[in-house]
N, C-alpha and C. Protein backbone atom coordinates (compact mmCIF):
# COMPACT_ATOMS: atom_id res chain seq x y z
N UNK A 1 5.90 0.64 -5.35
CA UNK A 1 6.58 2.02 -5.92
C UNK A 1 6.91 1.69 -7.65
N UNK A 2 6.40 2.42 -8.08
CA UNK A 2 6.95 2.29 -10.07
C UNK A 2 8.16 2.99 -10.40
N UNK A 3 8.39 2.18 -11.62
CA UNK A 3 9.89 2.90 -11.75
C UNK A 3 9.66 4.08 -12.91
N UNK A 4 9.83 5.02 -12.98
CA UNK A 4 10.02 5.93 -14.26
C UNK A 4 10.95 5.60 -15.20
N UNK A 5 10.56 6.05 -16.20
CA UNK A 5 12.05 5.67 -17.09
C UNK A 5 11.58 6.62 -17.78
N UNK A 6 12.48 7.40 -18.01
CA UNK A 6 12.43 8.98 -19.22
C UNK A 6 13.12 8.55 -20.83
N UNK A 7 11.96 8.62 -21.82
CA UNK A 7 12.63 8.28 -23.24
C UNK A 7 12.94 9.63 -23.97
N UNK A 8 14.11 10.41 -23.44
CA UNK A 8 14.44 11.67 -24.61
C UNK A 8 15.41 11.16 -25.82
N UNK A 9 15.65 12.25 -26.79
CA UNK A 9 16.06 11.95 -27.67
C UNK A 9 16.01 13.57 -28.84
N UNK A 10 16.96 13.41 -29.64
CA UNK A 10 16.26 14.18 -30.65
C UNK A 10 15.00 14.06 -31.39
N UNK A 11 14.57 14.97 -32.28
CA UNK A 11 13.07 14.67 -33.03
C UNK A 11 13.40 13.46 -33.89
N UNK A 12 12.46 12.89 -34.37
CA UNK A 12 12.55 11.10 -35.28
C UNK A 12 13.46 10.63 -35.04
N UNK A 13 13.56 10.08 -34.12
CA UNK A 13 14.33 9.22 -32.83
C UNK A 13 13.72 7.88 -32.62
N UNK A 14 12.17 7.99 -32.70
CA UNK A 14 11.61 6.74 -32.66
C UNK A 14 10.77 6.61 -31.00
N UNK A 15 11.11 8.14 -30.02
CA UNK A 15 10.57 7.99 -28.63
C UNK A 15 9.12 7.36 -28.45
N UNK A 16 8.80 7.86 -29.22
CA UNK A 16 6.94 7.40 -29.01
C UNK A 16 6.80 6.18 -29.19
N UNK A 17 7.29 5.62 -30.20
CA UNK A 17 6.82 4.28 -30.69
C UNK A 17 7.92 3.37 -29.38
N UNK A 18 9.01 3.57 -28.97
CA UNK A 18 9.53 2.98 -28.06
C UNK A 18 8.64 2.86 -26.86
N UNK A 19 8.09 4.62 -26.18
CA UNK A 19 7.07 4.31 -25.20
C UNK A 19 6.24 3.50 -25.07
N UNK A 20 5.61 3.65 -26.29
CA UNK A 20 4.38 2.62 -26.40
C UNK A 20 4.52 1.12 -26.25
N UNK A 21 5.75 0.79 -27.20
CA UNK A 21 6.08 -0.52 -27.11
C UNK A 21 6.59 -0.82 -25.85
N UNK A 22 7.39 -0.29 -25.18
CA UNK A 22 7.82 -0.57 -24.00
C UNK A 22 6.55 -0.45 -22.87
N UNK A 23 5.53 0.26 -22.71
CA UNK A 23 4.40 -0.16 -22.29
C UNK A 23 3.91 -1.31 -22.40
N UNK A 24 3.47 -1.50 -23.61
CA UNK A 24 2.97 -2.93 -24.11
C UNK A 24 3.70 -3.97 -23.58
N UNK A 25 4.79 -3.76 -23.64
CA UNK A 25 5.74 -5.22 -22.99
C UNK A 25 5.88 -5.35 -21.71
N UNK A 26 5.52 -4.46 -21.10
CA UNK A 26 5.54 -4.52 -19.50
C UNK A 26 4.16 -4.37 -18.95
N UNK A 27 3.28 -4.38 -19.90
CA UNK A 27 1.97 -4.38 -19.63
C UNK A 27 1.55 -3.23 -18.45
N UNK A 28 2.02 -1.79 -18.55
CA UNK A 28 1.84 -0.79 -17.98
C UNK A 28 1.20 0.48 -19.04
N UNK A 29 1.53 1.68 -18.12
CA UNK A 29 1.03 3.12 -19.26
C UNK A 29 2.16 3.69 -19.51
N UNK A 30 1.76 4.36 -20.67
CA UNK A 30 2.91 5.73 -21.20
C UNK A 30 2.71 7.19 -21.37
N UNK A 31 3.36 8.31 -20.84
CA UNK A 31 3.06 9.43 -21.00
C UNK A 31 3.49 9.91 -22.15
N UNK A 32 2.24 10.26 -22.97
CA UNK A 32 2.83 10.69 -24.50
C UNK A 32 3.29 12.43 -24.50
N UNK A 33 4.14 12.67 -25.24
CA UNK A 33 4.71 13.90 -25.30
C UNK A 33 3.86 15.04 -25.41
N UNK A 34 3.77 15.95 -24.33
CA UNK A 34 2.46 16.76 -24.28
C UNK A 34 2.32 17.84 -25.28
N UNK A 35 3.62 18.00 -25.55
CA UNK A 35 3.96 19.51 -26.74
C UNK A 35 3.15 19.24 -27.86
N UNK A 36 2.91 17.93 -28.19
CA UNK A 36 2.02 17.34 -29.85
C UNK A 36 0.45 18.06 -29.27
N UNK A 37 0.05 17.37 -28.08
CA UNK A 37 -1.32 18.22 -27.68
C UNK A 37 -1.88 19.71 -27.71
N UNK A 38 -0.54 20.32 -26.91
CA UNK A 38 -0.64 21.47 -26.83
C UNK A 38 -0.16 22.62 -27.79
N UNK A 39 0.75 22.24 -28.67
CA UNK A 39 0.64 22.85 -29.79
C UNK A 39 -0.31 22.70 -31.15
N UNK A 40 -1.11 21.59 -31.09
CA UNK A 40 -1.99 21.42 -31.74
C UNK A 40 -3.40 22.47 -31.81
N UNK A 41 -3.25 22.99 -30.33
CA UNK A 41 -4.38 24.09 -29.83
C UNK A 41 -4.12 25.27 -29.82
N UNK A 42 -2.61 25.63 -30.50
CA UNK A 42 -2.02 27.20 -30.76
C UNK A 42 -2.19 27.44 -32.18
N UNK A 43 -2.21 28.69 -32.67
CA UNK A 43 -2.19 29.45 -33.70
C UNK A 43 -0.65 29.67 -33.98
N UNK A 44 0.02 29.36 -35.39
CA UNK A 44 1.29 30.19 -35.22
C UNK A 44 2.48 29.50 -34.63
N UNK A 45 3.38 30.32 -34.36
CA UNK A 45 4.64 30.12 -33.66
C UNK A 45 4.24 29.65 -32.45
N UNK A 46 5.11 28.67 -31.61
CA UNK A 46 5.14 28.51 -30.24
C UNK A 46 6.29 30.00 -29.61
N UNK A 47 5.71 30.07 -28.41
CA UNK A 47 6.79 31.16 -27.67
C UNK A 47 7.58 30.78 -26.63
N UNK A 48 8.28 31.43 -26.33
CA UNK A 48 9.43 30.86 -24.94
C UNK A 48 8.16 30.69 -23.67
N UNK A 49 7.15 31.35 -23.47
CA UNK A 49 6.50 30.90 -22.51
C UNK A 49 5.60 29.73 -22.60
N UNK A 50 5.51 29.68 -23.62
CA UNK A 50 4.42 27.73 -24.15
C UNK A 50 5.47 26.68 -24.18
N UNK A 51 6.96 26.91 -23.98
CA UNK A 51 7.37 26.17 -23.41
C UNK A 51 7.65 25.66 -21.97
N UNK A 52 7.24 26.69 -21.35
CA UNK A 52 7.11 26.18 -19.71
C UNK A 52 5.73 26.02 -19.61
N UNK A 53 4.66 26.54 -20.27
CA UNK A 53 3.05 25.75 -19.96
C UNK A 53 3.42 24.00 -20.28
N UNK A 54 4.20 23.70 -21.76
CA UNK A 54 4.23 22.34 -21.95
C UNK A 54 4.63 21.68 -20.54
N UNK A 55 5.99 22.01 -20.26
CA UNK A 55 6.95 21.54 -19.06
C UNK A 55 5.41 21.12 -17.91
N UNK A 56 4.61 22.27 -17.66
CA UNK A 56 3.82 22.05 -16.59
C UNK A 56 3.27 20.93 -17.09
N UNK A 57 2.27 21.00 -17.87
CA UNK A 57 1.30 19.91 -18.57
C UNK A 57 2.07 18.63 -18.90
N UNK A 58 2.96 18.60 -19.18
CA UNK A 58 3.76 16.96 -19.59
C UNK A 58 4.03 16.66 -17.52
N UNK A 59 4.39 17.47 -17.00
CA UNK A 59 4.42 16.87 -15.62
C UNK A 59 3.24 16.19 -14.97
N UNK A 60 2.17 17.00 -15.10
CA UNK A 60 0.73 17.16 -14.57
C UNK A 60 0.41 15.50 -15.31
N UNK A 61 0.39 15.44 -16.42
CA UNK A 61 0.08 14.09 -17.32
C UNK A 61 1.16 12.64 -16.54
N UNK A 62 2.05 13.17 -16.07
CA UNK A 62 2.78 12.04 -15.73
C UNK A 62 2.17 11.69 -14.56
N UNK A 63 2.13 12.91 -13.66
CA UNK A 63 1.77 12.52 -12.29
C UNK A 63 0.60 11.96 -12.43
N UNK A 64 -0.12 12.55 -12.98
CA UNK A 64 -2.10 11.68 -13.19
C UNK A 64 -1.83 9.80 -13.24
N UNK A 65 -0.75 9.43 -14.36
CA UNK A 65 -0.49 8.25 -15.08
C UNK A 65 -0.20 7.31 -14.06
N UNK A 66 1.08 8.38 -13.16
CA UNK A 66 1.54 7.44 -12.44
C UNK A 66 0.72 6.64 -11.17
N UNK A 67 -0.34 6.94 -10.95
CA UNK A 67 -1.33 6.43 -9.92
C UNK A 67 -1.60 5.19 -10.43
N UNK A 68 -2.19 5.61 -12.07
CA UNK A 68 -2.64 3.81 -12.28
C UNK A 68 -1.29 3.17 -12.90
N UNK A 69 -0.46 3.48 -12.93
CA UNK A 69 0.90 2.63 -13.47
C UNK A 69 0.89 1.48 -12.82
N UNK A 70 1.56 0.40 -13.60
CA UNK A 70 1.81 -1.10 -13.10
C UNK A 70 3.51 -1.29 -13.10
N UNK A 71 4.27 -1.40 -11.97
CA UNK A 71 5.24 -1.48 -12.23
C UNK A 71 6.54 -0.36 -12.94
N UNK A 72 6.02 -0.22 -13.96
CA UNK A 72 6.89 1.00 -14.87
C UNK A 72 5.69 1.79 -15.23
N UNK A 73 6.34 3.37 -15.22
CA UNK A 73 5.50 4.41 -15.90
C UNK A 73 6.82 4.83 -17.40
N UNK A 74 6.51 4.95 -18.45
CA UNK A 74 7.32 5.38 -19.57
C UNK A 74 6.72 6.84 -19.93
N UNK A 75 8.20 7.35 -19.84
CA UNK A 75 7.67 9.00 -20.50
C UNK A 75 8.36 9.30 -21.34
N UNK A 76 7.33 9.75 -22.41
CA UNK A 76 7.94 10.28 -24.29
C UNK A 76 8.24 11.41 -23.47
N UNK A 77 9.40 12.16 -23.67
CA UNK A 77 10.02 13.22 -23.35
C UNK A 77 9.67 13.85 -21.85
N UNK A 78 10.93 14.79 -21.68
CA UNK A 78 10.49 15.02 -20.10
C UNK A 78 11.57 16.42 -20.09
N UNK A 79 11.55 17.21 -19.08
CA UNK A 79 12.01 18.19 -18.70
C UNK A 79 13.69 18.58 -19.38
N UNK A 80 14.55 17.96 -19.49
CA UNK A 80 15.04 17.90 -20.02
C UNK A 80 15.38 18.50 -21.61
N UNK A 81 14.36 17.96 -22.15
CA UNK A 81 13.78 18.51 -23.65
C UNK A 81 13.88 19.97 -23.59
N UNK A 82 12.69 20.21 -22.60
CA UNK A 82 12.17 21.71 -22.55
C UNK A 82 13.39 22.68 -22.05
N UNK A 83 14.48 21.92 -21.11
CA UNK A 83 15.29 22.68 -21.02
C UNK A 83 16.35 23.14 -22.27
N UNK A 84 16.87 22.00 -22.82
CA UNK A 84 17.44 22.17 -24.11
C UNK A 84 17.02 23.08 -25.24
N UNK A 85 15.55 22.91 -25.30
CA UNK A 85 14.97 23.11 -26.25
C UNK A 85 14.61 25.10 -26.04
N UNK A 86 14.77 25.44 -24.55
CA UNK A 86 14.59 26.71 -24.48
C UNK A 86 16.02 27.55 -24.68
N UNK A 87 16.82 26.92 -24.12
CA UNK A 87 18.52 27.29 -24.30
C UNK A 87 18.93 27.55 -25.70
N UNK A 88 18.40 26.08 -26.19
CA UNK A 88 18.69 26.15 -27.97
C UNK A 88 18.21 27.13 -28.53
N UNK A 89 16.99 27.59 -28.28
CA UNK A 89 15.87 28.78 -29.56
C UNK A 89 16.19 29.68 -28.54
N UNK A 90 16.10 30.31 -27.33
CA UNK A 90 16.22 31.66 -27.10
C UNK A 90 17.25 31.84 -25.76
N UNK A 91 18.61 30.92 -25.76
CA UNK A 91 19.48 30.66 -25.14
C UNK A 91 19.35 31.18 -23.50
N UNK A 92 18.21 30.99 -23.01
CA UNK A 92 17.76 30.82 -21.77
C UNK A 92 16.65 30.20 -21.07
N UNK A 93 16.50 29.76 -20.04
CA UNK A 93 15.37 28.73 -19.91
C UNK A 93 14.95 29.22 -18.54
N UNK A 94 13.75 28.85 -18.46
CA UNK A 94 12.78 28.95 -16.73
C UNK A 94 13.22 28.58 -16.01
N UNK A 95 13.08 28.88 -15.05
CA UNK A 95 13.33 29.11 -13.55
C UNK A 95 12.87 27.58 -13.01
N UNK A 96 11.40 27.88 -13.34
CA UNK A 96 10.62 26.46 -12.89
C UNK A 96 11.21 25.26 -13.58
N UNK A 97 11.46 25.40 -14.75
CA UNK A 97 11.87 23.88 -15.46
C UNK A 97 13.32 23.64 -14.64
N UNK A 98 14.23 24.64 -14.53
CA UNK A 98 15.44 24.32 -13.95
C UNK A 98 15.53 23.72 -12.67
N UNK A 99 14.59 24.30 -11.76
CA UNK A 99 14.23 23.74 -10.49
C UNK A 99 13.67 22.27 -10.58
N UNK A 100 12.82 22.15 -11.20
CA UNK A 100 12.29 20.88 -11.21
C UNK A 100 12.71 19.91 -11.39
N UNK A 101 14.14 19.83 -12.66
CA UNK A 101 14.83 18.97 -13.19
C UNK A 101 15.86 18.12 -11.93
N UNK A 102 15.84 18.81 -10.95
CA UNK A 102 16.61 18.02 -10.11
C UNK A 102 15.63 17.48 -9.25
N UNK A 103 14.18 17.75 -8.53
CA UNK A 103 13.51 17.39 -8.15
C UNK A 103 12.50 15.88 -8.31
N UNK A 104 12.52 16.06 -9.76
CA UNK A 104 11.68 15.41 -10.39
C UNK A 104 12.58 13.59 -10.85
N UNK A 105 12.39 12.74 -10.01
CA UNK A 105 13.17 11.67 -10.14
C UNK A 105 12.61 10.52 -11.18
N UNK A 106 13.62 10.58 -12.03
CA UNK A 106 13.78 9.38 -12.75
C UNK A 106 14.51 8.20 -12.86
N UNK A 107 14.11 6.89 -12.80
CA UNK A 107 15.32 5.78 -12.51
C UNK A 107 16.00 5.30 -13.86
N UNK A 108 15.90 5.90 -14.77
CA UNK A 108 16.58 5.36 -16.07
C UNK A 108 16.11 6.52 -17.00
N UNK A 109 17.06 6.73 -17.76
CA UNK A 109 16.87 7.47 -19.16
C UNK A 109 17.09 6.89 -20.19
N UNK A 110 16.32 6.56 -21.25
CA UNK A 110 17.16 6.06 -22.67
C UNK A 110 17.09 7.36 -23.56
N UNK A 111 18.03 7.36 -23.85
CA UNK A 111 18.50 8.55 -24.89
C UNK A 111 18.57 7.63 -26.50
N UNK A 112 17.25 7.83 -27.07
CA UNK A 112 17.42 7.82 -28.48
C UNK A 112 18.38 7.89 -29.35
N UNK A 113 19.35 7.52 -29.76
CA UNK A 113 20.35 7.98 -31.16
C UNK A 113 19.36 8.34 -32.31
N UNK A 114 19.89 8.94 -33.06
CA UNK A 114 19.89 9.67 -34.42
C UNK A 114 19.72 8.50 -35.73
N UNK A 115 19.91 7.67 -35.08
CA UNK A 115 20.19 6.70 -36.33
C UNK A 115 19.27 5.78 -37.01
N UNK A 116 18.00 6.27 -36.81
CA UNK A 116 16.72 6.05 -37.72
C UNK A 116 16.77 7.06 -38.73
N UNK A 117 15.74 6.93 -39.99
CA UNK A 117 15.77 7.82 -40.96
C UNK A 117 15.04 9.11 -40.41
N UNK A 118 15.30 10.02 -40.86
CA UNK A 118 14.40 11.13 -40.53
C UNK A 118 12.71 11.04 -41.22
N UNK A 119 11.84 11.38 -40.63
CA UNK A 119 10.62 11.36 -41.01
C UNK A 119 9.61 12.60 -40.85
N UNK A 120 9.49 13.42 -41.87
CA UNK A 120 8.69 14.78 -41.93
C UNK A 120 7.56 14.43 -40.90
N UNK A 121 7.64 15.69 -40.19
CA UNK A 121 6.05 15.90 -39.20
C UNK A 121 5.91 17.21 -39.05
N UNK A 122 4.74 17.88 -39.55
CA UNK A 122 4.33 19.15 -39.20
C UNK A 122 5.23 20.13 -37.75
N UNK A 123 5.44 19.16 -37.01
CA UNK A 123 5.70 19.73 -35.55
C UNK A 123 7.37 19.54 -35.38
N UNK A 124 7.59 19.05 -36.17
CA UNK A 124 9.55 18.71 -36.21
C UNK A 124 10.02 19.89 -36.93
N UNK A 125 11.57 20.27 -36.34
CA UNK A 125 11.90 21.99 -37.23
C UNK A 125 13.49 21.38 -37.61
N UNK A 126 13.98 20.10 -37.03
CA UNK A 126 15.63 20.39 -37.05
C UNK A 126 16.29 19.18 -37.95
N UNK A 127 15.82 18.70 -39.05
CA UNK A 127 16.56 17.51 -39.51
C UNK A 127 17.85 17.48 -39.65
N UNK A 128 18.56 18.62 -39.62
CA UNK A 128 20.32 18.43 -39.70
C UNK A 128 20.64 18.82 -38.57
N UNK A 129 20.36 19.11 -37.42
CA UNK A 129 20.76 19.14 -36.40
C UNK A 129 20.98 17.90 -34.93
N UNK A 130 20.16 16.78 -35.81
CA UNK A 130 20.29 15.82 -34.48
C UNK A 130 21.03 15.34 -33.82
N UNK A 131 22.15 15.16 -34.98
CA UNK A 131 23.36 14.68 -34.00
C UNK A 131 24.01 15.68 -32.83
N UNK A 132 23.71 17.25 -33.49
CA UNK A 132 24.20 18.15 -32.46
C UNK A 132 23.45 18.14 -31.35
N UNK A 133 22.07 17.52 -31.45
CA UNK A 133 21.13 17.66 -30.35
C UNK A 133 21.37 16.80 -29.35
N UNK A 134 21.23 15.47 -29.95
CA UNK A 134 22.02 14.52 -29.45
C UNK A 134 22.80 14.41 -28.22
N UNK A 135 23.87 15.05 -28.69
CA UNK A 135 25.25 15.31 -27.71
C UNK A 135 25.18 16.40 -26.58
N UNK A 136 23.74 17.15 -26.92
CA UNK A 136 23.93 18.30 -25.83
C UNK A 136 22.94 17.66 -24.54
N UNK A 137 22.13 16.55 -25.51
CA UNK A 137 21.07 15.73 -24.44
C UNK A 137 22.07 14.81 -23.76
N UNK A 138 23.36 14.12 -24.40
CA UNK A 138 24.14 13.25 -23.52
C UNK A 138 24.99 14.07 -22.37
N UNK A 139 25.32 15.39 -22.80
CA UNK A 139 25.87 16.19 -21.94
C UNK A 139 25.09 16.56 -20.65
N UNK A 140 23.73 16.74 -20.85
CA UNK A 140 22.86 17.20 -19.75
C UNK A 140 23.11 16.10 -19.06
N UNK A 141 22.43 14.85 -19.45
CA UNK A 141 22.50 13.68 -18.45
C UNK A 141 23.79 13.37 -17.62
N UNK A 142 24.91 13.69 -18.48
CA UNK A 142 26.19 13.49 -17.80
C UNK A 142 26.31 14.63 -16.67
N UNK A 143 25.86 15.64 -17.39
CA UNK A 143 25.99 16.93 -16.13
C UNK A 143 25.12 16.67 -14.94
N UNK A 144 24.19 16.25 -15.03
CA UNK A 144 23.21 16.34 -14.07
C UNK A 144 23.58 14.76 -13.15
N UNK A 145 24.27 13.99 -13.55
CA UNK A 145 24.35 12.51 -12.91
C UNK A 145 23.55 12.00 -13.10
N UNK A 146 22.96 12.06 -14.00
CA UNK A 146 21.47 10.91 -14.19
C UNK A 146 22.16 9.54 -14.65
N UNK A 147 21.14 8.56 -14.33
CA UNK A 147 21.16 7.36 -14.96
C UNK A 147 20.76 7.30 -16.56
N UNK A 148 21.70 6.98 -17.55
CA UNK A 148 21.15 6.49 -18.91
C UNK A 148 21.79 5.34 -19.31
N UNK A 149 21.16 4.91 -20.97
CA UNK A 149 21.48 4.33 -21.64
C UNK A 149 20.83 4.88 -22.93
N UNK A 150 22.28 4.54 -24.19
CA UNK A 150 21.72 5.04 -25.12
C UNK A 150 21.26 3.96 -25.94
N UNK A 151 20.03 4.23 -26.63
CA UNK A 151 19.24 3.03 -27.93
C UNK A 151 19.09 3.33 -28.97
N UNK A 152 19.85 2.28 -29.45
CA UNK A 152 20.10 2.08 -30.98
C UNK A 152 19.91 1.19 -31.48
N UNK A 153 19.66 1.11 -33.03
CA UNK A 153 18.89 -0.04 -33.53
C UNK A 153 17.68 0.20 -34.34
N UNK A 154 17.62 -0.63 -35.00
CA UNK A 154 16.38 -0.57 -36.71
C UNK A 154 15.26 -1.46 -35.86
N UNK A 155 13.84 -1.21 -35.57
CA UNK A 155 12.68 -1.79 -35.25
C UNK A 155 13.00 -2.52 -34.27
N UNK A 156 12.64 -3.74 -34.39
CA UNK A 156 12.51 -4.78 -32.94
C UNK A 156 13.82 -4.80 -32.38
N UNK A 157 14.94 -4.73 -32.71
CA UNK A 157 16.26 -4.33 -32.35
C UNK A 157 16.56 -3.54 -31.43
N UNK A 158 15.92 -2.03 -31.42
CA UNK A 158 15.70 -0.89 -30.94
C UNK A 158 15.14 -1.16 -29.33
N UNK A 159 13.90 -1.94 -29.56
CA UNK A 159 13.01 -2.67 -28.48
C UNK A 159 14.32 -2.66 -27.43
N UNK A 160 14.20 -4.02 -28.29
CA UNK A 160 15.05 -5.40 -27.34
C UNK A 160 16.39 -4.96 -26.55
N UNK A 161 17.14 -3.78 -27.35
CA UNK A 161 18.06 -2.95 -26.46
C UNK A 161 17.57 -2.54 -25.32
N UNK A 162 16.29 -1.63 -25.48
CA UNK A 162 16.19 -1.06 -24.42
C UNK A 162 15.32 -1.96 -23.19
N UNK A 163 14.58 -2.70 -23.47
CA UNK A 163 14.28 -3.89 -22.37
C UNK A 163 15.50 -4.85 -21.96
N UNK A 164 16.55 -4.80 -22.41
CA UNK A 164 17.81 -5.51 -21.75
C UNK A 164 17.96 -4.71 -21.09
N UNK A 165 18.36 -3.26 -21.08
CA UNK A 165 18.77 -2.28 -19.93
C UNK A 165 17.68 -2.07 -18.50
N UNK A 166 16.49 -2.25 -19.26
CA UNK A 166 15.26 -2.17 -18.34
C UNK A 166 15.68 -3.24 -17.10
N UNK A 167 15.67 -4.26 -17.86
CA UNK A 167 15.76 -5.49 -17.02
C UNK A 167 17.21 -5.51 -15.98
N UNK A 168 18.20 -4.89 -16.67
CA UNK A 168 19.27 -4.93 -15.83
C UNK A 168 18.64 -3.96 -14.69
N UNK A 169 18.05 -3.47 -14.93
CA UNK A 169 18.14 -2.03 -13.86
C UNK A 169 17.07 -2.73 -12.48
N UNK A 170 16.44 -3.81 -13.21
CA UNK A 170 15.36 -4.64 -12.14
C UNK A 170 16.06 -5.87 -11.18
N UNK A 171 16.88 -6.03 -12.02
CA UNK A 171 17.43 -7.16 -11.65
C UNK A 171 18.45 -7.22 -10.30
């Protein structure tokens, strides 16, 4: 049975890089953030219902890659991000997302701190609220009782901190 490690955090906090680097370190697979693929295929503003489609697509990709993964599967973004985004932007969340949050198990969450500099990307929206969103994500993890570790540091230090926590999980 593989261990699923979800990587969540505000925008521009190194989630994708961390997922890739951890997958390389542990010689396994990682699940890219599906919203990037999805949003590249639509024109204009995304909608509340688009977030539901993104959540469904993310879980579908995750389940597909879990079959091929070895030891671990690293997931760049998961349902907490979708929940928070719906509630932050539209003040409500799809029932499907809320129901799946408790059903879809992760062995560990890595919450990436906003201690990295903001990098512009056309899909990013909130350079000035990363601290607020970080606290919202932390509160969600606490409220659900999910095991998590905060990942801080620059460059290799960030990866080393994540590896340390993962190795503690398996020892």
